Amino acid sequence: MTKLAFAFALLASASIARADAPEHVINDAAQTVTVDCGDGGKVVVNGSSNNVTVTGGCAKVAVNGSANNVAIDAADKIAVTGSGNHVTYKKGFTKKSPKVARTGVGNKVSRAK
């Protein structure tokens, strides 16, 4: 039972540590922006033709719209909807590779070379 209590305490402290992680929402078009996820933040890109660089480690990055170019240092989840979005990532944040979800037409998500 002690091991179970320790595991719950560890999970609770991990959630608390990330509760203050930054959340960035970009609602724009044709902008060049750099945002920092810090340690477990979230980024949402809504719009079109944006060039976004995401530094730090993200719990999730969501890209919605069209013709956005997003370069991510590290993320655990990447969700892309819309059309013609191009997303690259270097690595997973807490995992080897991020979980990727794509809907729409012509969206590309790939590991940066």
N, C-alpha and C. Protein backbone atom coordinates (compact mmCIF):
# COMPACT_ATOMS: atom_id res chain seq x y z
N MET A 1 0.82 -1.19 0.00
CA MET A 1 0.00 0.00 0.00
C MET A 1 0.87 1.25 0.00
N THR A 2 2.02 1.20 0.65
CA THR A 2 2.91 2.36 0.70
C THR A 2 3.40 2.72 -0.70
N LYS A 3 3.70 1.72 -1.52
CA LYS A 3 4.14 1.99 -2.89
C LYS A 3 3.04 2.68 -3.70
N LEU A 4 1.81 2.26 -3.50
CA LEU A 4 0.68 2.86 -4.20
C LEU A 4 0.49 4.32 -3.79
N ALA A 5 0.60 4.59 -2.49
CA ALA A 5 0.47 5.97 -2.00
C ALA A 5 1.59 6.83 -2.56
N PHE A 6 2.80 6.29 -2.63
CA PHE A 6 3.93 7.02 -3.19
C PHE A 6 3.69 7.33 -4.67
N ALA A 7 3.16 6.36 -5.41
CA ALA A 7 2.90 6.56 -6.83
C ALA A 7 1.86 7.66 -7.04
N PHE A 8 0.80 7.68 -6.23
CA PHE A 8 -0.21 8.74 -6.34
C PHE A 8 0.39 10.10 -6.00
N ALA A 9 1.21 10.16 -4.98
CA ALA A 9 1.85 11.42 -4.60
C ALA A 9 2.76 11.92 -5.71
N LEU A 10 3.47 11.00 -6.33
CA LEU A 10 4.36 11.37 -7.44
C LEU A 10 3.56 11.91 -8.62
N LEU A 11 2.46 11.25 -8.97
CA LEU A 11 1.61 11.73 -10.05
C LEU A 11 1.00 13.09 -9.72
N ALA A 12 0.56 13.28 -8.51
CA ALA A 12 -0.03 14.55 -8.11
C ALA A 12 0.99 15.67 -8.18
N SER A 13 2.21 15.42 -7.76
CA SER A 13 3.23 16.47 -7.80
C SER A 13 3.60 16.80 -9.23
N ALA A 14 3.57 15.83 -10.13
CA ALA A 14 3.85 16.09 -11.54
C ALA A 14 2.78 16.99 -12.13
N SER A 15 1.52 16.76 -11.76
CA SER A 15 0.43 17.60 -12.26
C SER A 15 0.54 19.01 -11.73
N ILE A 16 0.89 19.15 -10.46
CA ILE A 16 1.03 20.47 -9.86
C ILE A 16 2.18 21.22 -10.49
N ALA A 17 3.28 20.54 -10.77
CA ALA A 17 4.44 21.19 -11.35
C ALA A 17 4.12 21.77 -12.72
N ARG A 18 3.22 21.15 -13.45
CA ARG A 18 2.90 21.62 -14.79
C ARG A 18 1.66 22.51 -14.84
N ALA A 19 0.98 22.68 -13.72
CA ALA A 19 -0.22 23.50 -13.70
C ALA A 19 0.07 24.94 -14.06
N ASP A 20 1.27 25.41 -13.77
CA ASP A 20 1.62 26.79 -14.08
C ASP A 20 2.41 26.92 -15.39
N ALA A 21 2.46 25.85 -16.15
CA ALA A 21 3.16 25.89 -17.43
C ALA A 21 2.43 26.85 -18.37
N PRO A 22 3.16 27.55 -19.22
CA PRO A 22 2.52 28.54 -20.09
C PRO A 22 1.58 27.94 -21.12
N GLU A 23 0.58 28.72 -21.49
CA GLU A 23 -0.31 28.35 -22.59
C GLU A 23 -0.39 29.55 -23.53
N HIS A 24 0.01 29.34 -24.77
CA HIS A 24 0.03 30.40 -25.76
C HIS A 24 -1.02 30.11 -26.82
N VAL A 25 -1.82 31.13 -27.15
CA VAL A 25 -2.81 31.01 -28.22
C VAL A 25 -2.51 32.10 -29.23
N ILE A 26 -2.29 31.70 -30.46
CA ILE A 26 -2.00 32.64 -31.54
C ILE A 26 -3.20 32.64 -32.48
N ASN A 27 -3.88 33.76 -32.55
CA ASN A 27 -5.03 33.94 -33.44
C ASN A 27 -4.66 35.04 -34.42
N ASP A 28 -4.08 34.67 -35.55
CA ASP A 28 -3.59 35.69 -36.46
C ASP A 28 -3.33 35.10 -37.84
N ALA A 29 -2.88 35.96 -38.74
CA ALA A 29 -2.52 35.53 -40.09
C ALA A 29 -1.23 36.20 -40.51
N ALA A 30 -0.41 35.46 -41.23
CA ALA A 30 0.83 35.97 -41.83
C ALA A 30 1.77 36.61 -40.82
N GLN A 31 1.89 35.98 -39.65
CA GLN A 31 2.80 36.49 -38.62
C GLN A 31 3.97 35.54 -38.43
N THR A 32 5.10 36.09 -37.99
CA THR A 32 6.25 35.28 -37.60
C THR A 32 6.42 35.45 -36.09
N VAL A 33 6.29 34.33 -35.36
CA VAL A 33 6.25 34.38 -33.91
C VAL A 33 7.11 33.26 -33.33
N THR A 34 7.77 33.55 -32.19
CA THR A 34 8.46 32.52 -31.41
C THR A 34 7.83 32.49 -30.03
N VAL A 35 7.44 31.29 -29.57
CA VAL A 35 6.87 31.12 -28.24
C VAL A 35 7.63 30.03 -27.50
N ASP A 36 7.64 30.14 -26.17
CA ASP A 36 8.36 29.18 -25.32
C ASP A 36 7.36 28.39 -24.49
N CYS A 37 7.35 27.08 -24.68
CA CYS A 37 6.47 26.21 -23.90
C CYS A 37 6.96 26.05 -22.46
N GLY A 38 8.20 26.40 -22.22
CA GLY A 38 8.75 26.18 -20.89
C GLY A 38 8.88 24.69 -20.65
N ASP A 39 8.27 24.21 -19.57
CA ASP A 39 8.34 22.80 -19.20
C ASP A 39 6.93 22.23 -19.11
N GLY A 40 6.37 21.90 -20.27
CA GLY A 40 5.05 21.27 -20.30
C GLY A 40 3.91 22.18 -20.68
N GLY A 41 4.20 23.29 -21.31
CA GLY A 41 3.14 24.22 -21.73
C GLY A 41 2.38 23.73 -22.94
N LYS A 42 1.46 24.57 -23.39
CA LYS A 42 0.64 24.26 -24.56
C LYS A 42 0.67 25.43 -25.52
N VAL A 43 0.57 25.11 -26.81
CA VAL A 43 0.52 26.14 -27.85
C VAL A 43 -0.63 25.81 -28.78
N VAL A 44 -1.43 26.83 -29.12
CA VAL A 44 -2.50 26.68 -30.10
C VAL A 44 -2.29 27.76 -31.16
N VAL A 45 -2.21 27.33 -32.42
CA VAL A 45 -2.07 28.25 -33.53
C VAL A 45 -3.36 28.20 -34.34
N ASN A 46 -4.07 29.33 -34.40
CA ASN A 46 -5.30 29.45 -35.19
C ASN A 46 -5.07 30.52 -36.24
N GLY A 47 -5.27 30.20 -37.49
CA GLY A 47 -5.11 31.21 -38.53
C GLY A 47 -4.50 30.63 -39.78
N SER A 48 -3.87 31.53 -40.56
CA SER A 48 -3.29 31.07 -41.81
C SER A 48 -1.98 31.79 -42.09
N SER A 49 -1.11 31.06 -42.78
CA SER A 49 0.17 31.59 -43.25
C SER A 49 1.05 32.14 -42.14
N ASN A 50 0.96 31.57 -40.94
CA ASN A 50 1.83 31.96 -39.84
C ASN A 50 3.11 31.12 -39.87
N ASN A 51 4.21 31.70 -39.42
CA ASN A 51 5.47 30.99 -39.23
C ASN A 51 5.76 31.03 -37.74
N VAL A 52 5.63 29.88 -37.09
CA VAL A 52 5.75 29.82 -35.63
C VAL A 52 6.90 28.89 -35.25
N THR A 53 7.76 29.38 -34.37
CA THR A 53 8.82 28.57 -33.78
C THR A 53 8.46 28.33 -32.33
N VAL A 54 8.44 27.07 -31.92
CA VAL A 54 8.07 26.71 -30.55
C VAL A 54 9.29 26.12 -29.86
N THR A 55 9.76 26.79 -28.81
CA THR A 55 10.91 26.31 -28.06
C THR A 55 10.44 25.67 -26.76
N GLY A 56 11.34 24.99 -26.09
CA GLY A 56 11.02 24.33 -24.82
C GLY A 56 10.31 23.01 -25.06
N GLY A 57 9.72 22.48 -24.00
CA GLY A 57 9.02 21.20 -24.06
C GLY A 57 7.53 21.38 -23.88
N CYS A 58 6.76 20.97 -24.87
CA CYS A 58 5.30 21.16 -24.86
C CYS A 58 4.56 19.87 -24.54
N ALA A 59 3.52 20.00 -23.72
CA ALA A 59 2.62 18.87 -23.53
C ALA A 59 1.81 18.67 -24.80
N LYS A 60 1.37 19.81 -25.43
CA LYS A 60 0.56 19.69 -26.64
C LYS A 60 0.73 20.93 -27.51
N VAL A 61 0.77 20.70 -28.82
CA VAL A 61 0.73 21.78 -29.80
C VAL A 61 -0.42 21.47 -30.75
N ALA A 62 -1.32 22.44 -30.93
CA ALA A 62 -2.45 22.29 -31.84
C ALA A 62 -2.34 23.36 -32.92
N VAL A 63 -2.49 22.94 -34.17
CA VAL A 63 -2.42 23.86 -35.31
C VAL A 63 -3.75 23.74 -36.06
N ASN A 64 -4.44 24.86 -36.19
CA ASN A 64 -5.75 24.90 -36.84
C ASN A 64 -5.74 26.00 -37.89
N GLY A 65 -6.11 25.67 -39.11
CA GLY A 65 -6.15 26.68 -40.15
C GLY A 65 -5.51 26.18 -41.42
N SER A 66 -4.85 27.11 -42.13
CA SER A 66 -4.25 26.71 -43.40
C SER A 66 -2.90 27.38 -43.62
N ALA A 67 -2.02 26.65 -44.28
CA ALA A 67 -0.71 27.14 -44.71
C ALA A 67 0.16 27.68 -43.58
N ASN A 68 0.01 27.12 -42.37
CA ASN A 68 0.87 27.50 -41.26
C ASN A 68 2.13 26.65 -41.29
N ASN A 69 3.27 27.24 -40.95
CA ASN A 69 4.53 26.53 -40.81
C ASN A 69 4.94 26.61 -39.34
N VAL A 70 5.04 25.45 -38.69
CA VAL A 70 5.34 25.42 -37.26
C VAL A 70 6.53 24.49 -37.03
N ALA A 71 7.57 25.01 -36.36
CA ALA A 71 8.75 24.23 -36.01
C ALA A 71 8.79 24.08 -34.49
N ILE A 72 8.81 22.83 -34.01
CA ILE A 72 8.69 22.53 -32.58
C ILE A 72 9.96 21.86 -32.09
N ASP A 73 10.48 22.34 -30.95
CA ASP A 73 11.63 21.66 -30.33
C ASP A 73 11.25 20.29 -29.79
N ALA A 74 10.22 20.26 -28.91
CA ALA A 74 9.81 19.00 -28.29
C ALA A 74 8.33 19.07 -27.92
N ALA A 75 7.59 17.98 -28.18
CA ALA A 75 6.17 17.92 -27.84
C ALA A 75 5.75 16.48 -27.63
N ASP A 76 4.75 16.28 -26.75
CA ASP A 76 4.19 14.95 -26.55
C ASP A 76 3.00 14.68 -27.45
N LYS A 77 2.23 15.74 -27.77
CA LYS A 77 1.07 15.59 -28.67
C LYS A 77 1.08 16.73 -29.67
N ILE A 78 0.81 16.38 -30.92
CA ILE A 78 0.67 17.37 -31.99
C ILE A 78 -0.63 17.07 -32.71
N ALA A 79 -1.51 18.06 -32.78
CA ALA A 79 -2.79 17.90 -33.47
C ALA A 79 -2.88 18.97 -34.55
N VAL A 80 -3.16 18.54 -35.78
CA VAL A 80 -3.22 19.47 -36.91
C VAL A 80 -4.55 19.28 -37.63
N THR A 81 -5.27 20.39 -37.81
CA THR A 81 -6.52 20.37 -38.58
C THR A 81 -6.48 21.50 -39.59
N GLY A 82 -7.21 21.33 -40.66
CA GLY A 82 -7.24 22.35 -41.70
C GLY A 82 -6.60 21.84 -42.97
N SER A 83 -5.87 22.73 -43.67
CA SER A 83 -5.26 22.31 -44.93
C SER A 83 -3.91 22.99 -45.16
N GLY A 84 -2.99 22.22 -45.71
CA GLY A 84 -1.70 22.75 -46.12
C GLY A 84 -0.80 23.21 -45.00
N ASN A 85 -1.00 22.72 -43.79
CA ASN A 85 -0.12 23.07 -42.68
C ASN A 85 1.11 22.18 -42.71
N HIS A 86 2.25 22.75 -42.32
CA HIS A 86 3.50 22.00 -42.30
C HIS A 86 4.11 22.12 -40.91
N VAL A 87 4.23 21.00 -40.21
CA VAL A 87 4.75 20.99 -38.84
C VAL A 87 5.96 20.07 -38.78
N THR A 88 7.04 20.58 -38.17
CA THR A 88 8.20 19.73 -37.92
C THR A 88 8.48 19.74 -36.42
N TYR A 89 9.03 18.63 -35.94
CA TYR A 89 9.40 18.52 -34.53
C TYR A 89 10.77 17.86 -34.44
N LYS A 90 11.52 18.19 -33.38
CA LYS A 90 12.84 17.59 -33.18
C LYS A 90 12.75 16.29 -32.39
N LYS A 91 11.86 16.27 -31.37
CA LYS A 91 11.77 15.08 -30.51
C LYS A 91 10.50 15.15 -29.69
N GLY A 92 10.21 14.07 -28.99
CA GLY A 92 9.13 14.08 -28.03
C GLY A 92 9.58 14.82 -26.78
N PHE A 93 8.64 15.25 -25.98
CA PHE A 93 8.97 15.97 -24.75
C PHE A 93 9.29 14.99 -23.63
N THR A 94 8.33 14.16 -23.23
CA THR A 94 8.58 13.14 -22.21
C THR A 94 8.58 11.74 -22.81
N LYS A 95 8.32 11.66 -24.10
CA LYS A 95 8.29 10.40 -24.82
C LYS A 95 9.31 10.45 -25.95
N LYS A 96 9.59 9.30 -26.54
CA LYS A 96 10.55 9.27 -27.65
C LYS A 96 10.06 10.10 -28.84
N SER A 97 8.80 9.95 -29.17
CA SER A 97 8.19 10.70 -30.27
C SER A 97 6.80 11.15 -29.86
N PRO A 98 6.33 12.26 -30.41
CA PRO A 98 4.99 12.73 -30.05
C PRO A 98 3.89 11.88 -30.70
N LYS A 99 2.71 11.92 -30.09
CA LYS A 99 1.53 11.32 -30.68
C LYS A 99 0.97 12.37 -31.64
N VAL A 100 0.74 11.97 -32.89
CA VAL A 100 0.33 12.92 -33.92
C VAL A 100 -1.08 12.59 -34.41
N ALA A 101 -1.92 13.63 -34.50
CA ALA A 101 -3.27 13.49 -35.06
C ALA A 101 -3.41 14.53 -36.17
N ARG A 102 -3.78 14.07 -37.36
CA ARG A 102 -3.97 14.97 -38.51
C ARG A 102 -5.34 14.77 -39.10
N THR A 103 -6.05 15.88 -39.33
CA THR A 103 -7.30 15.83 -40.07
C THR A 103 -7.26 16.97 -41.08
N GLY A 104 -7.94 16.79 -42.17
CA GLY A 104 -7.92 17.81 -43.21
C GLY A 104 -7.16 17.33 -44.42
N VAL A 105 -6.78 18.27 -45.27
CA VAL A 105 -6.14 17.93 -46.54
C VAL A 105 -4.75 18.55 -46.62
N GLY A 106 -3.76 17.75 -46.99
CA GLY A 106 -2.43 18.26 -47.26
C GLY A 106 -1.64 18.70 -46.04
N ASN A 107 -2.02 18.27 -44.86
CA ASN A 107 -1.25 18.59 -43.64
C ASN A 107 -0.09 17.62 -43.53
N LYS A 108 1.10 18.15 -43.20
CA LYS A 108 2.29 17.30 -43.07
C LYS A 108 2.92 17.52 -41.70
N VAL A 109 3.23 16.41 -41.04
CA VAL A 109 3.93 16.45 -39.76
C VAL A 109 5.13 15.52 -39.88
N SER A 110 6.33 16.03 -39.61
CA SER A 110 7.52 15.19 -39.74
C SER A 110 8.59 15.59 -38.75
N ARG A 111 9.51 14.64 -38.51
CA ARG A 111 10.66 14.93 -37.65
C ARG A 111 11.62 15.79 -38.43
N ALA A 112 12.12 16.85 -37.78
CA ALA A 112 13.09 17.75 -38.42
C ALA A 112 14.40 16.99 -38.64
N LYS A 113 15.05 17.31 -39.73
CA LYS A 113 16.31 16.64 -40.05
C LYS A 113 17.48 17.47 -39.62
